[in-house]
C-alpha cells in the first residue's frame, strides 16, 4: 500500500471520528431527524435515482454513437451535480423579504446557464474527439504512421 493510501485512510478515519463526535453532541430529537434524512436519502437513491440513471444510460448507449458516450456521461454527471446544488435556492427568491441580499440573484437563470454551458462543452468535446479520430484514420490510411 502506498503512503498516499495510508494517509487517505488515516484522514478518513479521523474525519469519521470527528463526525461521530459532532453527532454525539446532538439531542435525541436531532439524532432521529438526522437518521430519517440519512435513510430517506439512501432509499430515494436506491429506489428512484439509480434505476433512472440505468434507464437513461442504456437508452443513451442505444441512441448515441460510441464517440459520444464518455462526453455524454460526463455531461450527465455535471448536470446532476449542478441541479442538486441548486435545489436549496431555486424558487426561493422571496424566502427572506427582510434581507434581500441573501438570495440576490436569478438562480433559475444561473442554473440554466450552467447546464447549457456544460452541454456546450459536451458537444465540443465529442465533436473534437470525433475529429481527432477521423484525422488519425486519414493519417494512417495515407501511410504517414510508418
Protein backbone atom coordinates (compact mmCIF):
# COMPACT_ATOMS: atom_id res chain seq x y z
CA UNK A 1 0.00 0.00 0.00
CA UNK A 2 1.39 3.38 -0.93
CA UNK A 3 1.97 6.20 1.51
CA UNK A 4 -0.80 8.23 -0.12
CA UNK A 5 -3.34 5.46 0.51
CA UNK A 6 -2.29 5.14 4.13
CA UNK A 7 -2.55 8.91 4.54
CA UNK A 8 -6.01 8.95 2.94
CA UNK A 9 -7.16 6.05 5.13
CA UNK A 10 -5.96 7.82 8.27
CA UNK A 11 -7.63 11.05 7.14
CA UNK A 12 -10.89 9.16 6.53
CA UNK A 13 -10.74 7.53 9.96
CA UNK A 14 -10.05 10.90 11.57
CA UNK A 15 -12.93 12.60 9.76
CA UNK A 16 -15.25 9.73 10.70
CA UNK A 17 -14.31 10.19 14.34
CA UNK A 18 -14.91 13.93 14.06
CA UNK A 19 -18.34 13.32 12.53
CA UNK A 20 -19.26 10.90 15.31
CA UNK A 21 -18.10 13.44 17.89
CA UNK A 22 -20.34 16.09 16.30
CA UNK A 23 -23.30 13.71 16.27
CA UNK A 24 -22.78 12.84 19.93
CA UNK A 25 -23.43 16.48 20.84
CA UNK A 26 -26.92 16.47 19.27
CA UNK A 27 -30.15 15.95 21.15
CA UNK A 28 -32.16 12.77 20.72
CA UNK A 29 -34.71 14.58 18.53
CA UNK A 30 -31.98 15.90 16.24
CA UNK A 31 -30.36 12.45 16.00
CA UNK A 32 -33.70 10.95 14.94
CA UNK A 33 -34.06 13.69 12.32
CA UNK A 34 -30.53 13.02 11.01
CA UNK A 35 -31.28 9.30 10.86
CA UNK A 36 -34.55 9.84 8.99
CA UNK A 37 -32.91 12.16 6.43
CA UNK A 38 -30.00 9.75 6.01
CA UNK A 39 -32.30 6.75 5.48
CA UNK A 40 -34.60 8.72 3.17
CA UNK A 41 -31.63 9.74 1.05
CA UNK A 42 -30.49 6.15 0.69
CA UNK A 43 -33.98 4.90 -0.14
CA UNK A 44 -34.55 7.74 -2.62
CA UNK A 45 -31.24 6.99 -4.32
CA UNK A 46 -31.73 3.23 -4.50
CA UNK A 47 -35.42 3.23 -5.39
CA UNK A 48 -35.60 6.18 -7.79
CA UNK A 49 -32.33 7.79 -8.82
CA UNK A 50 -30.17 4.71 -9.53
CA UNK A 51 -32.79 2.93 -11.70
CA UNK A 52 -33.45 6.19 -13.55
CA UNK A 53 -29.71 6.52 -14.25
CA UNK A 54 -29.60 2.95 -15.57
CA UNK A 55 -32.55 3.56 -17.90
CA UNK A 56 -31.10 6.83 -19.21
CA UNK A 57 -27.65 5.28 -19.62
CA UNK A 58 -28.90 2.25 -21.53
CA UNK A 59 -31.08 4.46 -23.71
CA UNK A 60 -28.22 6.85 -24.42
CA UNK A 61 -25.92 3.99 -25.41
CA UNK A 62 -28.50 2.81 -27.95
CA UNK A 63 -29.08 6.27 -29.39
CA UNK A 64 -25.67 7.97 -29.27
CA UNK A 65 -22.66 6.93 -31.34
CA UNK A 66 -19.78 5.39 -29.39
CA UNK A 67 -17.64 8.51 -29.61
CA UNK A 68 -20.26 10.45 -27.66
CA UNK A 69 -20.72 8.06 -24.71
CA UNK A 70 -17.96 9.36 -22.47
CA UNK A 71 -18.76 13.02 -23.11
CA UNK A 72 -22.48 12.45 -22.52
CA UNK A 73 -21.81 10.58 -19.27
CA UNK A 74 -19.61 13.43 -18.01
CA UNK A 75 -22.27 15.95 -19.01
CA UNK A 76 -24.96 13.99 -17.21
CA UNK A 77 -22.91 13.81 -14.00
CA UNK A 78 -22.13 17.53 -14.15
CA UNK A 79 -25.79 18.37 -14.83
CA UNK A 80 -26.98 16.31 -11.87
CA UNK A 81 -24.36 17.97 -9.63
CA UNK A 82 -25.42 21.48 -10.71
CA UNK A 83 -29.11 20.73 -10.24
CA UNK A 84 -28.65 19.09 -6.83
CA UNK A 85 -26.54 22.02 -5.62
CA UNK A 86 -29.15 24.48 -6.89
CA UNK A 87 -32.17 22.84 -5.23
CA UNK A 88 -31.92 24.86 -1.96
CA UNK A 89 -32.03 28.24 -3.73
CA UNK A 90 -34.10 27.78 -6.88
CA UNK A 91 -37.60 29.06 -6.37
CA UNK A 92 -36.84 30.78 -3.06
CA UNK A 93 -36.47 34.34 -4.35
CA UNK A 94 -38.77 35.79 -1.68
CA UNK A 95 -37.71 33.49 1.15
CA UNK A 96 -36.29 36.31 3.26
CA UNK A 97 -38.10 39.54 2.32
CA UNK A 98 -36.49 41.43 5.23
CA UNK A 99 -32.98 40.69 3.85
CA UNK A 100 -32.95 40.83 0.04
CA UNK A 101 -29.18 40.34 -0.12
CA UNK A 102 -29.38 36.68 0.91
CA UNK A 103 -30.90 35.45 -2.34
CA UNK A 104 -29.99 38.36 -4.58
CA UNK A 105 -29.67 36.64 -7.98
CA UNK A 106 -31.83 34.99 -10.57
CA UNK A 107 -30.82 31.47 -9.57
CA UNK A 108 -33.01 29.60 -12.08
CA UNK A 109 -31.34 31.55 -14.92
CA UNK A 110 -27.93 30.79 -13.42
CA UNK A 111 -28.69 27.07 -13.23
CA UNK A 112 -29.92 27.11 -16.81
CA UNK A 113 -26.76 28.93 -17.94
CA UNK A 114 -24.56 26.42 -16.11
CA UNK A 115 -26.36 23.42 -17.60
CA UNK A 116 -26.24 24.92 -21.11
CA UNK A 117 -22.51 25.60 -20.65
CA UNK A 118 -21.92 22.01 -19.56
CA UNK A 119 -23.70 20.62 -22.63
CA UNK A 120 -21.94 23.04 -25.00
CA UNK A 121 -18.66 21.61 -23.71
CA UNK A 122 -20.03 18.07 -24.03
CA UNK A 123 -20.82 18.68 -27.70
CA UNK A 124 -17.47 20.38 -28.29
CA UNK A 125 -15.64 17.52 -26.59
CA UNK A 126 -17.48 14.84 -28.55
CA UNK A 127 -17.05 16.63 -31.87
CA UNK A 128 -13.38 17.30 -31.18
CA UNK A 129 -12.79 13.68 -30.23
CA UNK A 130 -14.54 12.52 -33.36
CA UNK A 131 -12.46 14.94 -35.42
CA UNK A 132 -9.23 13.69 -33.85
CA UNK A 133 -10.20 10.08 -34.58
CA UNK A 134 -11.02 10.93 -38.19
CA UNK A 135 -7.70 12.77 -38.59
CA UNK A 136 -5.81 9.79 -37.19
CA UNK A 137 -7.61 7.46 -39.57
CA UNK A 138 -6.79 9.67 -42.56
CA UNK A 139 -3.20 9.94 -41.33
CA UNK A 140 -2.94 6.15 -41.06
CA UNK A 141 -4.54 5.49 -44.46
CA UNK A 142 -2.20 7.96 -46.09
CA UNK A 143 0.74 5.96 -44.77
CA UNK A 144 2.16 8.67 -42.52
CA UNK A 145 2.27 6.42 -39.47
CA UNK A 146 5.27 4.42 -40.64
